[in-house]
């Protein structure tokens, strides 16, 4: 059996206009957009490297730097951008943990004060209820089970409707 030689197909592509200049030419393949390497170099110098620059101030280090992308580029370097991100992340984590510690500490103290039982019915978590901490209206926190909390919300709505009916 004789091996067949693959013959290269001649490209029958239509003529196109060079991106860099106005010359029409027949490309060798579909990926060719410039008629010569010199034309391609000149095009990239003109469009990408020769853009006008603006002066901006880096918010991280305060240095003035030139940029050709004033709407997108904020920091003077990738290192500066990473440093700012790390600072933001550490500051945010510190503030969240402090707030959470205060929040959980107050809630735990209120439950401990009430003996980890509901102030209305005296049930605890061993009785199959979920405990929560609510404000009693005087600025103090108190422990309330989910059953009593739902009952109070329902009763307060009914009381509100009765008051509005009397008026």
Protein backbone atom coordinates (compact mmCIF):
# COMPACT_ATOMS: atom_id res chain seq x y z
CA UNK A 1 0.00 0.00 0.00
CA UNK A 2 1.31 3.29 -0.98
CA UNK A 3 1.10 6.19 1.45
CA UNK A 4 -0.64 9.20 0.14
CA UNK A 5 1.10 12.49 0.43
CA UNK A 6 -0.96 15.26 1.88
CA UNK A 7 -0.98 18.21 -0.39
CA UNK A 8 -1.29 21.65 1.04
CA UNK A 9 -4.36 23.41 -0.10
CA UNK A 10 -3.75 26.79 -1.55
CA UNK A 11 -5.64 29.41 0.35
CA UNK A 12 -8.47 30.88 -1.61
CA UNK A 13 -9.11 33.64 0.89
CA UNK A 14 -10.55 36.92 -0.33
CA UNK A 15 -8.40 40.04 -0.23
CA UNK A 16 -8.63 42.09 2.97
CA UNK A 17 -7.52 45.53 4.07
CA UNK A 18 -4.46 45.72 6.32
CA UNK A 19 -5.28 46.90 9.87
CA UNK A 20 -2.22 49.13 9.96
CA UNK A 21 -2.63 50.90 6.63
CA UNK A 22 -5.02 51.06 3.69
CA UNK A 23 -3.31 48.46 1.49
CA UNK A 24 -5.43 45.54 0.24
CA UNK A 25 -3.67 42.16 0.25
CA UNK A 26 -4.44 38.43 0.08
CA UNK A 27 -3.66 36.81 3.48
CA UNK A 28 -1.78 33.52 3.71
CA UNK A 29 -4.16 32.24 6.40
CA UNK A 30 -7.20 33.46 8.35
CA UNK A 31 -5.13 34.79 11.25
CA UNK A 32 -3.13 37.27 9.19
CA UNK A 33 -4.32 40.88 9.62
CA UNK A 34 -1.26 42.88 8.54
CA UNK A 35 0.56 42.77 5.22
CA UNK A 36 4.01 43.01 6.87
CA UNK A 37 5.74 42.82 10.25
CA UNK A 38 6.77 46.47 10.01
CA UNK A 39 3.15 47.52 9.50
CA UNK A 40 2.11 45.45 12.53
CA UNK A 41 4.81 47.04 14.73
CA UNK A 42 3.82 50.53 13.67
CA UNK A 43 0.15 49.79 14.37
CA UNK A 44 0.83 48.55 17.93
CA UNK A 45 3.14 51.46 18.68
CA UNK A 46 0.46 53.87 17.55
CA UNK A 47 -2.55 52.27 19.26
CA UNK A 48 -1.27 50.62 22.44
CA UNK A 49 2.10 52.07 23.39
CA UNK A 50 1.66 55.62 22.22
CA UNK A 51 -1.48 56.44 24.20
CA UNK A 52 -1.70 59.69 26.10
CA UNK A 53 -1.02 59.42 29.79
CA UNK A 54 -2.60 61.01 32.82
CA UNK A 55 -1.12 61.67 36.25
CA UNK A 56 -2.79 59.94 39.22
CA UNK A 57 -1.95 59.62 42.90
CA UNK A 58 -1.73 56.15 44.42
CA UNK A 59 -4.12 55.93 47.40
CA UNK A 60 -1.83 53.44 49.17
CA UNK A 61 1.58 55.13 49.02
CA UNK A 62 0.72 58.66 47.82
CA UNK A 63 3.16 58.64 44.87
CA UNK A 64 2.17 60.35 41.59
CA UNK A 65 2.36 57.99 38.64
CA UNK A 66 1.55 58.19 34.91
CA UNK A 67 -1.15 55.92 33.53
CA UNK A 68 -2.67 55.36 30.12
CA UNK A 69 -5.79 53.87 31.78
CA UNK A 70 -6.97 56.59 34.18
CA UNK A 71 -10.42 55.08 34.58
CA UNK A 72 -9.18 51.59 35.48
CA UNK A 73 -5.75 51.88 37.09
CA UNK A 74 -5.92 52.93 40.73
CA UNK A 75 -2.60 51.87 42.24
CA UNK A 76 0.91 52.59 41.00
CA UNK A 77 2.02 48.93 41.00
CA UNK A 78 0.68 45.41 41.61
CA UNK A 79 2.64 45.28 44.88
CA UNK A 80 0.94 48.46 46.08
CA UNK A 81 -2.47 47.07 45.11
CA UNK A 82 -1.81 43.84 47.03
CA UNK A 83 -0.57 45.76 50.07
CA UNK A 84 -3.75 47.89 50.10
CA UNK A 85 -5.93 44.77 49.80
CA UNK A 86 -4.11 43.13 52.73
CA UNK A 87 -4.54 46.27 54.87
CA UNK A 88 -8.25 46.44 54.06
CA UNK A 89 -8.71 42.76 54.82
CA UNK A 90 -6.88 42.96 58.18
CA UNK A 91 -8.77 46.09 59.24
CA UNK A 92 -12.10 44.60 58.29
CA UNK A 93 -11.37 41.33 60.08
CA UNK A 94 -10.31 43.17 63.24
CA UNK A 95 -13.45 45.32 63.34
CA UNK A 96 -15.76 42.37 62.67
CA UNK A 97 -14.18 40.21 65.37
CA UNK A 98 -14.39 43.05 67.93
CA UNK A 99 -18.07 43.67 67.14
CA UNK A 100 -18.86 39.96 67.24
CA UNK A 101 -17.03 39.50 70.53
CA UNK A 102 -19.02 42.35 72.09
CA UNK A 103 -22.29 41.06 70.62
CA UNK A 104 -21.77 37.46 71.75
CA UNK A 105 -20.40 38.55 75.13
CA UNK A 106 -23.53 40.62 75.91
CA UNK A 107 -25.84 37.81 74.81
CA UNK A 108 -23.96 35.21 76.83
CA UNK A 109 -23.96 37.45 79.91
CA UNK A 110 -27.76 37.92 79.63
CA UNK A 111 -28.33 34.14 79.33
CA UNK A 112 -26.00 33.50 82.26
CA UNK A 113 -27.85 36.10 84.37
CA UNK A 114 -31.17 34.32 83.67
CA UNK A 115 -29.71 30.86 84.36
CA UNK A 116 -29.99 29.75 80.70
CA UNK A 117 -33.78 29.55 81.08
CA UNK A 118 -36.69 31.53 79.64
CA UNK A 119 -37.73 34.39 81.96
CA UNK A 120 -41.45 33.79 81.19
CA UNK A 121 -41.91 29.99 81.35
CA UNK A 122 -38.65 28.78 82.92
CA UNK A 123 -37.88 26.26 80.13
CA UNK A 124 -34.33 25.66 78.94
CA UNK A 125 -32.68 23.93 76.00
CA UNK A 126 -33.05 20.53 77.70
CA UNK A 127 -36.83 21.03 77.54
CA UNK A 128 -36.69 21.19 73.73
CA UNK A 129 -36.93 24.95 73.18
CA UNK A 130 -34.53 27.34 71.52
CA UNK A 131 -33.34 30.25 73.59
CA UNK A 132 -32.78 33.73 72.27
CA UNK A 133 -31.89 37.06 73.81
CA UNK A 134 -34.20 40.05 73.35
CA UNK A 135 -34.45 43.57 74.65
CA UNK A 136 -37.14 43.92 77.32
CA UNK A 137 -37.99 47.51 76.37
CA UNK A 138 -35.98 49.04 79.22
CA UNK A 139 -32.63 48.63 77.48
CA UNK A 140 -31.83 45.35 79.26
CA UNK A 141 -31.34 42.00 77.57
CA UNK A 142 -33.32 38.97 78.73
CA UNK A 143 -33.49 35.29 77.76
CA UNK A 144 -36.67 34.20 75.98
CA UNK A 145 -37.61 30.82 74.45
CA UNK A 146 -38.97 30.62 70.91
CA UNK A 147 -42.46 29.63 72.10
CA UNK A 148 -42.86 32.63 74.42
CA UNK A 149 -41.37 34.97 71.82
CA UNK A 150 -43.92 33.83 69.21
CA UNK A 151 -46.77 34.09 71.71
CA UNK A 152 -45.83 37.61 72.71
CA UNK A 153 -45.60 38.71 69.06
CA UNK A 154 -49.05 37.21 68.37
CA UNK A 155 -50.59 38.73 71.51
CA UNK A 156 -49.09 42.16 70.84
CA UNK A 157 -50.66 42.11 67.34
CA UNK A 158 -54.05 41.15 68.83
CA UNK A 159 -53.78 43.87 71.48
CA UNK A 160 -52.89 46.40 68.79
CA UNK A 161 -55.96 45.42 66.74
CA UNK A 162 -58.24 45.68 69.80
CA UNK A 163 -56.92 49.15 70.58
CA UNK A 164 -57.48 50.29 66.99
CA UNK A 165 -61.06 48.88 67.05
CA UNK A 166 -61.92 50.87 70.19
CA UNK A 167 -60.66 54.17 68.78
